[in-house]
Amino acid sequence: MNHGREFIVTEQHLKLLRHMYVGWQDCETGAPEIDPKRPYGNSDVPGDIHEILTGERNAELTREQEELYLALHRETDTVLQIVLRTGEAWPGRYVRPSEYDCDWRLAP
């Protein structure tokens, strides 16, 4: 997902990255992958996110909470790209030269 030239990384994003299930995909030469069905260990992605962020298990989530959590989850592609590019995992405002460039930098 393209997020333009600027993106705000939050503590919530970083918590989600720390809980992602990373495995190995043997296709072709192989590569690390995040399980798309169970990115946080279970198939209830909004419920997993709620537990990661609040510590509360098996909560009944509202539609609005589920939508908010899934939007946060979708943003992790940009956060992962920023973390891998910068070699650091810090909250803050990151910028890149163009929306098609992956040269993210922490903004001054």
Foldseek 3Di string as FASTA:
>chain_A
DFDKFKDWADPLLVLLVVQFDWDWDPPDVIDIDTPPCCRRHHNPQLQSSCCSVPVDHPDDDDPVSSVVSVVSVVCNVLQVLQCVLVVDRDGAMWGDPTRVDSNIDHDD
